Amino acid sequence: MDIWQPAYIGIGSNLADPRMQVLGAMERIASVSNARLVLRSGLYGSRPMGPADQPDFVNAAVGILTRLEPPELLRELQALERAAGRPASRERWGPRILDLDLLVYDSLQSEDPGLRLPHAGVVERNFVLYPLAEIAPELEVPGIGRVIDLKRRVSPEGIWPLPLAAAASTSTTRTSVHDRVS
């Protein structure tokens, strides 16, 4: 594909220095061939969604421009997870060394079992919506609604911004990847 398409990725970790896992993932996403990292949220702490007997998570979101088709981008993200030490099989909603979720890819909607777009958890997960709203509040999640409106519908319970000083290597931009493509 020769056209740069906007995509948004959710990042999470609660093992092996989660803050560094998330920041490192941002850097590794920036190095993916045919992708440009253009937006980074701050870092957020969140309680686990699944079993409570695991550490809290660190979450963030990034916006990229990419020439990769969605399945190719997903494969790249999965390769980054494996390189970070994520096992092929894992407990559902269990601890994660690194979790990279393709949340939105342009205006694409897909019910494919291998790649659902937008990501199924976007509408209900505050640890996805809070970082995403920081970088793309006006983003229209295909078939669902604007990120800022979705964020208003979820509880802020169990999520908190992490101090900026500790996240100094992240930058916060309040424009959307879509704005940069226009």
N, C-alpha and C. Protein backbone atom coordinates (compact mmCIF):
# COMPACT_ATOMS: atom_id res chain seq x y z
N MET A 1 0.85 -1.18 0.00
CA MET A 1 0.00 0.00 0.00
C MET A 1 0.89 1.24 0.00
N ASP A 2 0.57 2.23 -0.80
CA ASP A 2 1.36 3.44 -0.87
C ASP A 2 0.78 4.59 -0.06
N ILE A 3 -0.43 4.43 0.42
CA ILE A 3 -1.10 5.49 1.16
C ILE A 3 -0.86 5.28 2.66
N TRP A 4 -0.51 6.36 3.35
CA TRP A 4 -0.33 6.30 4.79
C TRP A 4 -1.71 6.33 5.46
N GLN A 5 -1.97 5.33 6.29
CA GLN A 5 -3.25 5.23 6.99
C GLN A 5 -3.04 5.45 8.49
N PRO A 6 -3.98 6.12 9.17
CA PRO A 6 -3.86 6.29 10.61
C PRO A 6 -4.30 5.03 11.35
N ALA A 7 -3.60 4.75 12.43
CA ALA A 7 -3.96 3.62 13.29
C ALA A 7 -3.61 3.99 14.72
N TYR A 8 -4.33 3.40 15.66
CA TYR A 8 -4.12 3.64 17.08
C TYR A 8 -3.90 2.31 17.78
N ILE A 9 -2.94 2.31 18.69
CA ILE A 9 -2.52 1.09 19.38
C ILE A 9 -2.57 1.33 20.88
N GLY A 10 -3.18 0.39 21.60
CA GLY A 10 -3.17 0.40 23.05
C GLY A 10 -1.99 -0.42 23.54
N ILE A 11 -1.33 0.05 24.60
CA ILE A 11 -0.16 -0.62 25.16
C ILE A 11 -0.39 -0.85 26.64
N GLY A 12 -0.06 -2.06 27.11
CA GLY A 12 -0.19 -2.35 28.53
C GLY A 12 0.83 -3.36 29.00
N SER A 13 1.18 -3.28 30.28
CA SER A 13 2.10 -4.22 30.89
C SER A 13 1.90 -4.19 32.41
N ASN A 14 2.08 -5.35 33.04
CA ASN A 14 2.11 -5.36 34.51
C ASN A 14 3.18 -6.29 35.05
N LEU A 15 4.15 -6.65 34.21
CA LEU A 15 5.26 -7.50 34.63
C LEU A 15 6.59 -6.92 34.15
N ALA A 16 7.67 -7.29 34.86
CA ALA A 16 9.03 -6.97 34.42
C ALA A 16 9.22 -5.48 34.16
N ASP A 17 8.98 -4.64 35.17
CA ASP A 17 9.10 -3.19 35.07
C ASP A 17 8.14 -2.64 34.01
N PRO A 18 6.84 -2.66 34.33
CA PRO A 18 5.81 -2.27 33.36
C PRO A 18 6.03 -0.90 32.71
N ARG A 19 6.47 0.06 33.49
CA ARG A 19 6.70 1.40 32.92
C ARG A 19 7.72 1.32 31.79
N MET A 20 8.82 0.61 32.03
CA MET A 20 9.85 0.48 31.00
C MET A 20 9.37 -0.37 29.83
N GLN A 21 8.53 -1.37 30.10
CA GLN A 21 7.97 -2.18 29.01
C GLN A 21 7.14 -1.31 28.08
N VAL A 22 6.31 -0.45 28.65
CA VAL A 22 5.43 0.42 27.84
C VAL A 22 6.25 1.45 27.07
N LEU A 23 7.19 2.10 27.76
CA LEU A 23 8.02 3.09 27.07
C LEU A 23 8.86 2.43 25.98
N GLY A 24 9.40 1.26 26.28
CA GLY A 24 10.18 0.53 25.28
C GLY A 24 9.34 0.12 24.09
N ALA A 25 8.09 -0.28 24.36
CA ALA A 25 7.19 -0.65 23.27
C ALA A 25 6.93 0.54 22.35
N MET A 26 6.79 1.73 22.94
CA MET A 26 6.61 2.93 22.11
C MET A 26 7.79 3.11 21.16
N GLU A 27 8.99 2.93 21.68
CA GLU A 27 10.19 3.08 20.85
C GLU A 27 10.25 1.99 19.78
N ARG A 28 9.89 0.77 20.14
CA ARG A 28 9.93 -0.31 19.16
C ARG A 28 8.86 -0.13 18.08
N ILE A 29 7.68 0.38 18.47
CA ILE A 29 6.64 0.66 17.47
C ILE A 29 7.16 1.72 16.49
N ALA A 30 7.91 2.70 17.01
CA ALA A 30 8.47 3.75 16.16
C ALA A 30 9.45 3.19 15.13
N SER A 31 10.00 2.01 15.41
CA SER A 31 10.99 1.44 14.49
C SER A 31 10.40 0.43 13.50
N VAL A 32 9.08 0.21 13.56
CA VAL A 32 8.44 -0.71 12.62
C VAL A 32 8.52 -0.13 11.22
N SER A 33 8.94 -0.98 10.29
CA SER A 33 9.05 -0.56 8.89
C SER A 33 7.68 -0.16 8.35
N ASN A 34 7.64 0.91 7.57
CA ASN A 34 6.40 1.42 6.98
C ASN A 34 5.39 1.90 8.01
N ALA A 35 5.90 2.40 9.13
CA ALA A 35 5.04 3.00 10.16
C ALA A 35 5.79 4.18 10.77
N ARG A 36 5.05 5.21 11.09
CA ARG A 36 5.61 6.40 11.75
C ARG A 36 4.82 6.66 13.02
N LEU A 37 5.50 6.69 14.13
CA LEU A 37 4.87 7.03 15.40
C LEU A 37 4.70 8.54 15.44
N VAL A 38 3.46 9.01 15.58
CA VAL A 38 3.22 10.46 15.55
C VAL A 38 2.57 10.98 16.82
N LEU A 39 1.97 10.12 17.63
CA LEU A 39 1.33 10.55 18.87
C LEU A 39 1.62 9.55 19.99
N ARG A 40 1.87 10.08 21.19
CA ARG A 40 2.07 9.25 22.38
C ARG A 40 1.27 9.84 23.53
N SER A 41 0.55 9.01 24.22
CA SER A 41 -0.13 9.48 25.43
C SER A 41 0.85 9.45 26.59
N GLY A 42 0.43 10.02 27.69
CA GLY A 42 1.14 9.83 28.94
C GLY A 42 0.88 8.41 29.43
N LEU A 43 1.44 8.09 30.57
CA LEU A 43 1.26 6.76 31.15
C LEU A 43 0.17 6.80 32.20
N TYR A 44 -0.56 5.70 32.30
CA TYR A 44 -1.65 5.56 33.27
C TYR A 44 -1.46 4.27 34.03
N GLY A 45 -1.75 4.32 35.33
CA GLY A 45 -1.81 3.10 36.12
C GLY A 45 -3.24 2.62 36.12
N SER A 46 -3.43 1.30 36.17
CA SER A 46 -4.80 0.77 36.22
C SER A 46 -4.81 -0.56 36.96
N ARG A 47 -5.95 -0.81 37.58
CA ARG A 47 -6.14 -2.10 38.24
C ARG A 47 -6.36 -3.17 37.18
N PRO A 48 -5.97 -4.40 37.49
CA PRO A 48 -6.19 -5.48 36.53
C PRO A 48 -7.67 -5.68 36.25
N MET A 49 -7.98 -6.01 35.01
CA MET A 49 -9.36 -6.28 34.61
C MET A 49 -9.77 -7.69 35.02
N GLY A 50 -8.83 -8.59 35.04
CA GLY A 50 -9.11 -10.00 35.35
C GLY A 50 -8.83 -10.32 36.80
N PRO A 51 -8.13 -11.43 37.03
CA PRO A 51 -7.84 -11.84 38.40
C PRO A 51 -7.16 -10.73 39.19
N ALA A 52 -7.64 -10.49 40.41
CA ALA A 52 -7.13 -9.40 41.23
C ALA A 52 -5.76 -9.70 41.84
N ASP A 53 -5.35 -10.95 41.84
CA ASP A 53 -4.08 -11.32 42.46
C ASP A 53 -2.91 -11.17 41.48
N GLN A 54 -2.83 -9.99 40.87
CA GLN A 54 -1.73 -9.66 39.96
C GLN A 54 -1.42 -8.18 40.13
N PRO A 55 -0.24 -7.76 39.70
CA PRO A 55 0.13 -6.34 39.86
C PRO A 55 -0.74 -5.42 39.01
N ASP A 56 -0.77 -4.15 39.41
CA ASP A 56 -1.44 -3.12 38.61
C ASP A 56 -0.74 -3.00 37.26
N PHE A 57 -1.46 -2.47 36.29
CA PHE A 57 -0.95 -2.28 34.94
C PHE A 57 -0.45 -0.86 34.73
N VAL A 58 0.42 -0.70 33.77
CA VAL A 58 0.76 0.59 33.19
C VAL A 58 0.23 0.55 31.77
N ASN A 59 -0.51 1.59 31.38
CA ASN A 59 -1.15 1.64 30.06
C ASN A 59 -0.82 2.94 29.36
N ALA A 60 -0.90 2.91 28.05
CA ALA A 60 -0.71 4.10 27.21
C ALA A 60 -1.35 3.81 25.86
N ALA A 61 -1.34 4.82 25.01
CA ALA A 61 -1.82 4.66 23.63
C ALA A 61 -0.90 5.45 22.72
N VAL A 62 -0.78 4.98 21.49
CA VAL A 62 -0.01 5.70 20.48
C VAL A 62 -0.83 5.79 19.21
N GLY A 63 -0.52 6.81 18.42
CA GLY A 63 -1.10 6.97 17.09
C GLY A 63 0.03 6.87 16.08
N ILE A 64 -0.21 6.12 15.04
CA ILE A 64 0.80 5.96 13.99
C ILE A 64 0.18 6.25 12.63
N LEU A 65 1.04 6.50 11.68
CA LEU A 65 0.68 6.47 10.27
C LEU A 65 1.40 5.27 9.70
N THR A 66 0.72 4.48 8.89
CA THR A 66 1.33 3.26 8.39
C THR A 66 0.93 2.97 6.95
N ARG A 67 1.83 2.30 6.26
CA ARG A 67 1.54 1.78 4.93
C ARG A 67 1.20 0.30 4.99
N LEU A 68 1.28 -0.29 6.17
CA LEU A 68 0.98 -1.70 6.34
C LEU A 68 -0.53 -1.91 6.35
N GLU A 69 -0.97 -2.99 5.74
CA GLU A 69 -2.37 -3.39 5.85
C GLU A 69 -2.62 -3.88 7.28
N PRO A 70 -3.85 -3.85 7.76
CA PRO A 70 -4.12 -4.25 9.15
C PRO A 70 -3.54 -5.61 9.55
N PRO A 71 -3.69 -6.67 8.75
CA PRO A 71 -3.11 -7.95 9.17
C PRO A 71 -1.58 -7.90 9.30
N GLU A 72 -0.94 -7.14 8.41
CA GLU A 72 0.52 -6.99 8.49
C GLU A 72 0.91 -6.23 9.75
N LEU A 73 0.19 -5.18 10.06
CA LEU A 73 0.47 -4.39 11.25
C LEU A 73 0.26 -5.26 12.49
N LEU A 74 -0.81 -6.02 12.52
CA LEU A 74 -1.05 -6.92 13.66
C LEU A 74 0.10 -7.90 13.83
N ARG A 75 0.59 -8.47 12.75
CA ARG A 75 1.73 -9.40 12.83
C ARG A 75 2.96 -8.70 13.40
N GLU A 76 3.20 -7.47 12.99
CA GLU A 76 4.33 -6.70 13.53
C GLU A 76 4.18 -6.49 15.04
N LEU A 77 2.96 -6.14 15.46
CA LEU A 77 2.72 -5.93 16.89
C LEU A 77 2.91 -7.23 17.67
N GLN A 78 2.43 -8.32 17.13
CA GLN A 78 2.60 -9.62 17.79
C GLN A 78 4.07 -10.01 17.87
N ALA A 79 4.84 -9.67 16.85
CA ALA A 79 6.28 -9.95 16.88
C ALA A 79 6.96 -9.13 17.97
N LEU A 80 6.53 -7.89 18.16
CA LEU A 80 7.08 -7.06 19.24
C LEU A 80 6.74 -7.66 20.60
N GLU A 81 5.51 -8.15 20.74
CA GLU A 81 5.12 -8.81 22.01
C GLU A 81 6.01 -10.02 22.28
N ARG A 82 6.20 -10.86 21.27
CA ARG A 82 7.03 -12.06 21.44
C ARG A 82 8.47 -11.67 21.78
N ALA A 83 8.99 -10.65 21.11
CA ALA A 83 10.36 -10.21 21.37
C ALA A 83 10.53 -9.70 22.80
N ALA A 84 9.46 -9.18 23.38
CA ALA A 84 9.50 -8.70 24.77
C ALA A 84 9.36 -9.85 25.77
N GLY A 85 9.05 -11.05 25.26
CA GLY A 85 8.95 -12.21 26.15
C GLY A 85 7.55 -12.68 26.43
N ARG A 86 6.58 -12.18 25.68
CA ARG A 86 5.20 -12.62 25.90
C ARG A 86 5.03 -14.05 25.38
N PRO A 87 4.53 -14.95 26.22
CA PRO A 87 4.33 -16.34 25.77
C PRO A 87 3.17 -16.44 24.78
N ALA A 88 3.22 -17.46 23.93
CA ALA A 88 2.17 -17.66 22.93
C ALA A 88 0.83 -17.94 23.58
N SER A 89 0.82 -18.78 24.63
CA SER A 89 -0.44 -19.03 25.34
C SER A 89 -0.36 -18.34 26.69
N ARG A 90 -1.49 -17.79 27.11
CA ARG A 90 -1.51 -17.04 28.37
C ARG A 90 -2.90 -17.08 28.96
N GLU A 91 -2.98 -16.75 30.23
CA GLU A 91 -4.25 -16.70 30.93
C GLU A 91 -5.05 -15.49 30.44
N ARG A 92 -6.32 -15.71 30.13
CA ARG A 92 -7.18 -14.59 29.72
C ARG A 92 -7.26 -13.58 30.85
N TRP A 93 -6.98 -12.34 30.53
CA TRP A 93 -6.98 -11.22 31.47
C TRP A 93 -5.97 -11.42 32.60
N GLY A 94 -4.97 -12.24 32.35
CA GLY A 94 -3.93 -12.47 33.35
C GLY A 94 -2.80 -11.47 33.18
N PRO A 95 -1.74 -11.68 33.95
CA PRO A 95 -0.58 -10.79 33.87
C PRO A 95 0.03 -10.79 32.47
N ARG A 96 0.60 -9.65 32.09
CA ARG A 96 1.18 -9.49 30.76
C ARG A 96 2.52 -8.77 30.86
N ILE A 97 3.53 -9.33 30.20
CA ILE A 97 4.78 -8.59 30.08
C ILE A 97 4.59 -7.45 29.09
N LEU A 98 3.80 -7.70 28.04
CA LEU A 98 3.49 -6.65 27.07
C LEU A 98 2.24 -7.05 26.31
N ASP A 99 1.34 -6.10 26.18
CA ASP A 99 0.10 -6.31 25.43
C ASP A 99 -0.04 -5.13 24.47
N LEU A 100 -0.08 -5.42 23.18
CA LEU A 100 -0.25 -4.40 22.15
C LEU A 100 -1.53 -4.71 21.40
N ASP A 101 -2.49 -3.81 21.48
CA ASP A 101 -3.78 -4.01 20.82
C ASP A 101 -3.98 -2.98 19.72
N LEU A 102 -4.26 -3.47 18.52
CA LEU A 102 -4.63 -2.58 17.41
C LEU A 102 -6.07 -2.16 17.67
N LEU A 103 -6.26 -0.92 18.08
CA LEU A 103 -7.57 -0.42 18.50
C LEU A 103 -8.42 0.06 17.33
N VAL A 104 -7.83 0.88 16.49
CA VAL A 104 -8.53 1.49 15.35
C VAL A 104 -7.55 1.57 14.19
N TYR A 105 -8.03 1.24 13.00
CA TYR A 105 -7.24 1.38 11.78
C TYR A 105 -8.10 2.15 10.80
N ASP A 106 -7.75 3.43 10.59
CA ASP A 106 -8.50 4.32 9.72
C ASP A 106 -9.99 4.21 10.04
N SER A 107 -10.84 4.04 9.06
CA SER A 107 -12.28 3.91 9.32
C SER A 107 -12.74 2.47 9.11
N LEU A 108 -11.80 1.54 9.13
CA LEU A 108 -12.08 0.14 8.86
C LEU A 108 -12.88 -0.52 9.98
N GLN A 109 -13.86 -1.31 9.57
CA GLN A 109 -14.61 -2.15 10.48
C GLN A 109 -14.46 -3.58 10.00
N SER A 110 -14.17 -4.50 10.93
CA SER A 110 -13.97 -5.89 10.57
C SER A 110 -14.43 -6.78 11.72
N GLU A 111 -15.14 -7.83 11.38
CA GLU A 111 -15.57 -8.84 12.35
C GLU A 111 -14.74 -10.10 12.23
N ASP A 112 -13.67 -10.05 11.46
CA ASP A 112 -12.79 -11.20 11.29
C ASP A 112 -12.32 -11.68 12.66
N PRO A 113 -12.45 -12.98 12.97
CA PRO A 113 -12.04 -13.48 14.29
C PRO A 113 -10.57 -13.22 14.61
N GLY A 114 -9.72 -13.15 13.60
CA GLY A 114 -8.30 -12.91 13.82
C GLY A 114 -7.94 -11.45 14.00
N LEU A 115 -8.83 -10.55 13.59
CA LEU A 115 -8.56 -9.12 13.69
C LEU A 115 -9.88 -8.35 13.66
N ARG A 116 -10.41 -8.12 14.83
CA ARG A 116 -11.65 -7.35 14.93
C ARG A 116 -11.31 -5.87 15.05
N LEU A 117 -11.92 -5.08 14.18
CA LEU A 117 -11.71 -3.63 14.20
C LEU A 117 -13.03 -2.91 14.13
N PRO A 118 -13.20 -1.88 14.95
CA PRO A 118 -12.31 -1.50 16.03
C PRO A 118 -12.22 -2.61 17.08
N HIS A 119 -11.18 -2.53 17.90
CA HIS A 119 -10.95 -3.55 18.93
C HIS A 119 -12.18 -3.65 19.82
N ALA A 120 -12.54 -4.87 20.17
CA ALA A 120 -13.77 -5.12 20.94
C ALA A 120 -13.79 -4.40 22.28
N GLY A 121 -12.65 -4.16 22.90
CA GLY A 121 -12.63 -3.56 24.24
C GLY A 121 -12.66 -2.06 24.28
N VAL A 122 -12.60 -1.40 23.14
CA VAL A 122 -12.51 0.07 23.13
C VAL A 122 -13.66 0.71 23.90
N VAL A 123 -14.85 0.26 23.68
CA VAL A 123 -16.03 0.94 24.20
C VAL A 123 -16.18 0.85 25.72
N GLU A 124 -15.58 -0.14 26.35
CA GLU A 124 -15.84 -0.37 27.78
C GLU A 124 -14.65 -0.24 28.70
N ARG A 125 -13.47 -0.06 28.18
CA ARG A 125 -12.26 -0.11 29.01
C ARG A 125 -11.68 1.28 29.24
N ASN A 126 -11.72 1.72 30.50
CA ASN A 126 -11.18 3.04 30.81
C ASN A 126 -9.67 3.10 30.57
N PHE A 127 -8.96 1.98 30.75
CA PHE A 127 -7.51 1.98 30.55
C PHE A 127 -7.14 2.07 29.07
N VAL A 128 -8.12 1.92 28.19
CA VAL A 128 -7.92 2.17 26.75
C VAL A 128 -8.37 3.59 26.42
N LEU A 129 -9.54 3.97 26.91
CA LEU A 129 -10.14 5.25 26.52
C LEU A 129 -9.43 6.47 27.11
N TYR A 130 -8.93 6.39 28.33
CA TYR A 130 -8.27 7.56 28.92
C TYR A 130 -7.00 7.94 28.16
N PRO A 131 -6.09 7.00 27.90
CA PRO A 131 -4.92 7.38 27.09
C PRO A 131 -5.29 7.77 25.66
N LEU A 132 -6.25 7.05 25.07
CA LEU A 132 -6.66 7.36 23.70
C LEU A 132 -7.28 8.76 23.62
N ALA A 133 -8.08 9.12 24.60
CA ALA A 133 -8.70 10.45 24.62
C ALA A 133 -7.66 11.56 24.78
N GLU A 134 -6.56 11.24 25.40
CA GLU A 134 -5.49 12.22 25.57
C GLU A 134 -4.88 12.60 24.22
N ILE A 135 -4.73 11.64 23.33
CA ILE A 135 -4.08 11.92 22.04
C ILE A 135 -5.05 12.11 20.89
N ALA A 136 -6.29 11.62 21.03
CA ALA A 136 -7.23 11.69 19.91
C ALA A 136 -8.67 11.82 20.40
N PRO A 137 -9.00 12.88 21.13
CA PRO A 137 -10.34 12.99 21.70
C PRO A 137 -11.45 13.04 20.65
N GLU A 138 -11.16 13.60 19.50
CA GLU A 138 -12.18 13.75 18.45
C GLU A 138 -12.22 12.58 17.48
N LEU A 139 -11.37 11.59 17.69
CA LEU A 139 -11.34 10.43 16.82
C LEU A 139 -12.70 9.74 16.81
N GLU A 140 -13.20 9.49 15.63
CA GLU A 140 -14.45 8.75 15.46
C GLU A 140 -14.09 7.27 15.35
N VAL A 141 -14.44 6.51 16.39
CA VAL A 141 -14.22 5.07 16.36
C VAL A 141 -15.31 4.49 15.46
N PRO A 142 -14.92 3.87 14.36
CA PRO A 142 -15.89 3.43 13.35
C PRO A 142 -17.04 2.60 13.93
N GLY A 143 -18.26 3.09 13.68
CA GLY A 143 -19.45 2.39 14.10
C GLY A 143 -19.77 2.52 15.58
N ILE A 144 -18.96 3.28 16.33
CA ILE A 144 -19.16 3.34 17.79
C ILE A 144 -19.38 4.77 18.29
N GLY A 145 -18.50 5.69 17.91
CA GLY A 145 -18.65 7.07 18.37
C GLY A 145 -17.31 7.73 18.61
N ARG A 146 -17.36 9.00 19.04
CA ARG A 146 -16.13 9.76 19.30
C ARG A 146 -15.50 9.29 20.60
N VAL A 147 -14.18 9.28 20.62
CA VAL A 147 -13.44 8.82 21.80
C VAL A 147 -13.83 9.61 23.04
N ILE A 148 -13.92 10.92 22.94
CA ILE A 148 -14.24 11.74 24.11
C ILE A 148 -15.62 11.38 24.68
N ASP A 149 -16.57 11.08 23.81
CA ASP A 149 -17.90 10.69 24.28
C ASP A 149 -17.87 9.31 24.92
N LEU A 150 -17.09 8.40 24.35
CA LEU A 150 -16.96 7.07 24.94
C LEU A 150 -16.29 7.15 26.30
N LYS A 151 -15.29 8.00 26.43
CA LYS A 151 -14.59 8.17 27.71
C LYS A 151 -15.55 8.66 28.79
N ARG A 152 -16.46 9.54 28.43
CA ARG A 152 -17.42 10.08 29.41
C ARG A 152 -18.36 9.00 29.95
N ARG A 153 -18.48 7.89 29.22
CA ARG A 153 -19.41 6.82 29.62
C ARG A 153 -18.78 5.78 30.53
N VAL A 154 -17.45 5.80 30.66
CA VAL A 154 -16.79 4.82 31.52
C VAL A 154 -16.39 5.45 32.85
N SER A 155 -16.32 4.65 33.85
CA SER A 155 -15.95 5.11 35.19
C SER A 155 -14.45 5.40 35.26
N PRO A 156 -14.09 6.44 36.00
CA PRO A 156 -12.67 6.70 36.22
C PRO A 156 -12.08 5.83 37.34
N GLU A 157 -12.92 5.00 37.93
CA GLU A 157 -12.45 4.16 39.03
C GLU A 157 -11.42 3.15 38.53
N GLY A 158 -10.33 3.06 39.26
CA GLY A 158 -9.31 2.07 38.94
C GLY A 158 -8.31 2.50 37.89
N ILE A 159 -8.29 3.80 37.54
CA ILE A 159 -7.27 4.30 36.61
C ILE A 159 -6.77 5.64 37.13
N TRP A 160 -5.48 5.88 36.97
CA TRP A 160 -4.88 7.11 37.45
C TRP A 160 -3.69 7.48 36.56
N PRO A 161 -3.51 8.79 36.33
CA PRO A 161 -2.34 9.21 35.55
C PRO A 161 -1.09 8.99 36.39
N LEU A 162 -0.04 8.55 35.76
CA LEU A 162 1.23 8.40 36.45
C LEU A 162 1.97 9.73 36.38
N PRO A 163 2.77 10.04 37.36
CA PRO A 163 3.45 11.35 37.39
C PRO A 163 4.25 11.60 36.12
N LEU A 164 4.16 12.84 35.64
CA LEU A 164 4.84 13.21 34.40
C LEU A 164 6.35 13.09 34.52
N ALA A 165 6.90 13.42 35.67
CA ALA A 165 8.35 13.36 35.84
C ALA A 165 8.87 11.95 35.56
N ALA A 166 8.11 10.96 35.98
CA ALA A 166 8.55 9.58 35.75
C ALA A 166 8.33 9.17 34.30
N ALA A 167 7.49 9.89 33.61
CA ALA A 167 7.19 9.56 32.20
C ALA A 167 7.77 10.62 31.27
N ALA A 168 8.88 11.20 31.66
CA ALA A 168 9.44 12.33 30.92
C ALA A 168 9.77 12.01 29.47
N SER A 169 10.01 10.74 29.15
CA SER A 169 10.37 10.44 27.77
C SER A 169 9.16 10.30 26.87
N THR A 170 7.95 10.51 27.41
CA THR A 170 6.77 10.48 26.55
C THR A 170 6.39 11.92 26.22
N SER A 171 5.78 12.11 25.08
CA SER A 171 5.28 13.43 24.73
C SER A 171 3.79 13.33 24.54
N THR A 172 3.11 14.40 24.86
CA THR A 172 1.67 14.41 24.76
C THR A 172 1.25 15.41 23.70
N THR A 173 0.47 14.96 22.76
CA THR A 173 -0.05 15.81 21.71
C THR A 173 -1.55 15.61 21.67
N ARG A 174 -2.30 16.67 21.52
CA ARG A 174 -3.75 16.56 21.57
C ARG A 174 -4.41 16.63 20.20
N THR A 175 -3.68 16.36 19.16
CA THR A 175 -4.29 16.28 17.84
C THR A 175 -4.45 14.82 17.46
N SER A 176 -5.19 14.56 16.46
CA SER A 176 -5.46 13.20 16.01
C SER A 176 -4.56 12.84 14.84
N VAL A 177 -4.24 11.57 14.72
CA VAL A 177 -3.50 11.11 13.55
C VAL A 177 -4.27 11.49 12.29
N HIS A 178 -5.60 11.41 12.34
CA HIS A 178 -6.41 11.76 11.18
C HIS A 178 -6.16 13.21 10.77
N ASP A 179 -5.94 14.13 11.75
CA ASP A 179 -5.66 15.52 11.43
C ASP A 179 -4.35 15.65 10.64
N ARG A 180 -3.40 14.77 10.93
CA ARG A 180 -2.10 14.84 10.27
C ARG A 180 -2.15 14.26 8.87
N VAL A 181 -3.14 13.43 8.57
CA VAL A 181 -3.26 12.84 7.24
C VAL A 181 -3.96 13.81 6.31
N SER A 182 -4.87 14.61 6.86
CA SER A 182 -5.69 15.51 6.03
C SER A 182 -4.87 16.52 5.29
